[in-house]
Amino acid sequence: MVDKTRILLYLFIIDNRSYFYKSKMALYEVHLDVEEEYKETIRSIYKFLVILIVFHILCSLSYNGSKPILFGLTRELFNDDFMNLLFIGMISIIAYHFVSEKLLKFI
């Protein structure tokens, strides 16, 4: 039986000059022909976007339509809203490191 991931990989990789390659650490590697400082900038933008998108999704799911989004930064210390913000932020960062880094890597 043919492995489904190999079939999908062959659909994405046309020849050896493709920008997407299968990696042992990441599902896909994007080879960029730019200087290292630009690669680092692209990695940082990717990290920022993934964390912000996951953060936005979790905030949208955790607050219902009648409750305004309060981040708990102006009331008493360590209130419920602040603790929600803290946990959502941590989950967003964990999602980047454990999921998104394994999906796409810029080299």
C-alpha atoms as a PDB file:
ATOM      1  CA  MET A   1       0.000   0.000   0.000  1.00  0.00           C
ATOM      2  CA  VAL A   2       1.314   3.446  -0.910  1.00  0.00           C
ATOM      3  CA  ASP A   3       1.857   5.882   1.926  1.00  0.00           C
ATOM      4  CA  LYS A   4      -0.593   8.820   1.696  1.00  0.00           C
ATOM      5  CA  THR A   5       2.011  11.353   2.819  1.00  0.00           C
ATOM      6  CA  ARG A   6       4.313  10.299  -0.032  1.00  0.00           C
ATOM      7  CA  ILE A   7       1.517  10.836  -2.537  1.00  0.00           C
ATOM      8  CA  LEU A   8       0.836  14.309  -1.126  1.00  0.00           C
ATOM      9  CA  LEU A   9       4.536  15.072  -1.081  1.00  0.00           C
ATOM     10  CA  TYR A  10       4.910  14.054  -4.736  1.00  0.00           C
ATOM     11  CA  LEU A  11       2.031  16.354  -5.621  1.00  0.00           C
ATOM     12  CA  PHE A  12       3.869  19.297  -4.075  1.00  0.00           C
ATOM     13  CA  ILE A  13       7.360  18.491  -5.338  1.00  0.00           C
ATOM     14  CA  ILE A  14       7.593  18.643  -9.107  1.00  0.00           C
ATOM     15  CA  ASP A  15      11.367  18.365  -9.483  1.00  0.00           C
ATOM     16  CA  ASN A  16      14.589  18.893  -7.522  1.00  0.00           C
ATOM     17  CA  ARG A  17      14.485  22.637  -8.131  1.00  0.00           C
ATOM     18  CA  SER A  18      11.260  23.035  -6.141  1.00  0.00           C
ATOM     19  CA  TYR A  19      11.252  25.382  -3.175  1.00  0.00           C
ATOM     20  CA  PHE A  20       9.545  22.799  -0.979  1.00  0.00           C
ATOM     21  CA  TYR A  21      11.475  19.769   0.238  1.00  0.00           C
ATOM     22  CA  LYS A  22      10.608  17.109   2.765  1.00  0.00           C
ATOM     23  CA  SER A  23      12.633  17.391   5.935  1.00  0.00           C
ATOM     24  CA  LYS A  24      13.282  15.099   8.850  1.00  0.00           C
ATOM     25  CA  MET A  25      12.449  17.870  11.323  1.00  0.00           C
ATOM     26  CA  ALA A  26       9.753  19.742   9.421  1.00  0.00           C
ATOM     27  CA  LEU A  27       7.058  18.620   7.038  1.00  0.00           C
ATOM     28  CA  TYR A  28       8.245  21.161   4.464  1.00  0.00           C
ATOM     29  CA  GLU A  29      11.355  23.265   4.118  1.00  0.00           C
ATOM     30  CA  VAL A  30      11.293  26.474   2.135  1.00  0.00           C
ATOM     31  CA  HIS A  31      14.688  27.177   0.601  1.00  0.00           C
ATOM     32  CA  LEU A  32      15.263  30.905   0.314  1.00  0.00           C
ATOM     33  CA  ASP A  33      18.066  32.316  -1.804  1.00  0.00           C
ATOM     34  CA  VAL A  34      18.553  35.405   0.351  1.00  0.00           C
ATOM     35  CA  GLU A  35      20.997  36.535   3.009  1.00  0.00           C
ATOM     36  CA  GLU A  36      20.788  35.011   6.480  1.00  0.00           C
ATOM     37  CA  GLU A  37      19.452  38.204   8.108  1.00  0.00           C
ATOM     38  CA  TYR A  38      16.467  38.168   5.729  1.00  0.00           C
ATOM     39  CA  LYS A  39      15.820  34.510   6.518  1.00  0.00           C
ATOM     40  CA  GLU A  40      15.795  35.359  10.218  1.00  0.00           C
ATOM     41  CA  THR A  41      13.343  38.189   9.549  1.00  0.00           C
ATOM     42  CA  ILE A  42      11.037  35.838   7.632  1.00  0.00           C
ATOM     43  CA  ARG A  43      11.228  33.295  10.475  1.00  0.00           C
ATOM     44  CA  SER A  44      10.334  36.016  12.989  1.00  0.00           C
ATOM     45  CA  ILE A  45       7.388  37.216  10.922  1.00  0.00           C
ATOM     46  CA  TYR A  46       6.163  33.618  10.553  1.00  0.00           C
ATOM     47  CA  LYS A  47       6.462  33.087  14.314  1.00  0.00           C
ATOM     48  CA  PHE A  48       4.639  36.338  15.069  1.00  0.00           C
ATOM     49  CA  LEU A  49       1.807  35.544  12.640  1.00  0.00           C
ATOM     50  CA  VAL A  50       1.287  32.012  13.947  1.00  0.00           C
ATOM     51  CA  ILE A  51       1.252  33.120  17.591  1.00  0.00           C
ATOM     52  CA  LEU A  52      -1.071  36.047  16.866  1.00  0.00           C
ATOM     53  CA  ILE A  53      -3.497  33.940  14.806  1.00  0.00           C
ATOM     54  CA  VAL A  54      -3.680  31.204  17.449  1.00  0.00           C
ATOM     55  CA  PHE A  55      -4.087  33.886  20.139  1.00  0.00           C
ATOM     56  CA  HIS A  56      -6.927  35.518  18.197  1.00  0.00           C
ATOM     57  CA  ILE A  57      -8.689  32.198  17.617  1.00  0.00           C
ATOM     58  CA  LEU A  58      -8.476  31.245  21.298  1.00  0.00           C
ATOM     59  CA  CYS A  59      -9.661  34.700  22.425  1.00  0.00           C
ATOM     60  CA  SER A  60     -12.588  34.524  20.007  1.00  0.00           C
ATOM     61  CA  LEU A  61     -13.562  31.078  21.246  1.00  0.00           C
ATOM     62  CA  SER A  62     -13.210  31.874  24.949  1.00  0.00           C
ATOM     63  CA  TYR A  63     -15.374  35.028  25.004  1.00  0.00           C
ATOM     64  CA  ASN A  64     -19.021  34.925  24.096  1.00  0.00           C
ATOM     65  CA  GLY A  65     -20.713  37.755  22.203  1.00  0.00           C
ATOM     66  CA  SER A  66     -22.189  39.477  25.253  1.00  0.00           C
ATOM     67  CA  LYS A  67     -18.961  39.768  27.244  1.00  0.00           C
ATOM     68  CA  PRO A  68     -16.473  42.416  26.094  1.00  0.00           C
ATOM     69  CA  ILE A  69     -12.843  41.414  25.747  1.00  0.00           C
ATOM     70  CA  LEU A  70     -11.087  42.514  28.916  1.00  0.00           C
ATOM     71  CA  PHE A  71      -7.484  41.537  29.355  1.00  0.00           C
ATOM     72  CA  GLY A  72      -7.456  42.182  33.107  1.00  0.00           C
ATOM     73  CA  LEU A  73      -4.662  44.715  33.027  1.00  0.00           C
ATOM     74  CA  THR A  74      -6.461  47.483  34.902  1.00  0.00           C
ATOM     75  CA  ARG A  75      -8.221  45.816  37.830  1.00  0.00           C
ATOM     76  CA  GLU A  76      -6.851  43.836  40.780  1.00  0.00           C
ATOM     77  CA  LEU A  77      -3.755  41.680  40.392  1.00  0.00           C
ATOM     78  CA  PHE A  78      -4.083  38.227  38.814  1.00  0.00           C
ATOM     79  CA  ASN A  79      -7.811  38.427  38.166  1.00  0.00           C
ATOM     80  CA  ASP A  80      -9.645  35.911  35.974  1.00  0.00           C
ATOM     81  CA  ASP A  81      -9.316  37.951  32.780  1.00  0.00           C
ATOM     82  CA  PHE A  82      -5.574  38.310  33.249  1.00  0.00           C
ATOM     83  CA  MET A  83      -5.171  34.597  33.942  1.00  0.00           C
ATOM     84  CA  ASN A  84      -7.119  33.836  30.726  1.00  0.00           C
ATOM     85  CA  LEU A  85      -4.799  36.174  28.833  1.00  0.00           C
ATOM     86  CA  LEU A  86      -1.750  34.501  30.365  1.00  0.00           C
ATOM     87  CA  PHE A  87      -2.887  30.964  29.526  1.00  0.00           C
ATOM     88  CA  ILE A  88      -4.007  31.871  26.004  1.00  0.00           C
ATOM     89  CA  GLY A  89      -0.622  33.494  25.388  1.00  0.00           C
ATOM     90  CA  MET A  90       1.225  30.429  26.663  1.00  0.00           C
ATOM     91  CA  ILE A  91      -0.907  28.079  24.555  1.00  0.00           C
ATOM     92  CA  SER A  92      -0.227  30.251  21.488  1.00  0.00           C
ATOM     93  CA  ILE A  93       3.526  30.066  21.993  1.00  0.00           C
ATOM     94  CA  ILE A  94       3.370  26.318  22.652  1.00  0.00           C
ATOM     95  CA  ALA A  95       1.324  25.845  19.469  1.00  0.00           C
ATOM     96  CA  TYR A  96       4.041  27.583  17.483  1.00  0.00           C
ATOM     97  CA  HIS A  97       6.890  25.548  18.928  1.00  0.00           C
ATOM     98  CA  PHE A  98       5.181  22.156  18.891  1.00  0.00           C
ATOM     99  CA  VAL A  99       3.082  22.422  15.732  1.00  0.00           C
ATOM    100  CA  SER A 100       4.038  25.201  13.331  1.00  0.00           C
ATOM    101  CA  GLU A 101       7.800  24.701  13.575  1.00  0.00           C
ATOM    102  CA  LYS A 102       7.241  21.071  12.607  1.00  0.00           C
ATOM    103  CA  LEU A 103       5.123  21.994   9.588  1.00  0.00           C
ATOM    104  CA  LEU A 104       7.187  24.640   7.820  1.00  0.00           C
ATOM    105  CA  LYS A 105      10.856  25.565   8.109  1.00  0.00           C
ATOM    106  CA  PHE A 106      12.656  28.376   6.306  1.00  0.00           C
ATOM    107  CA  ILE A 107      16.253  27.554   5.389  1.00  0.00           C
END
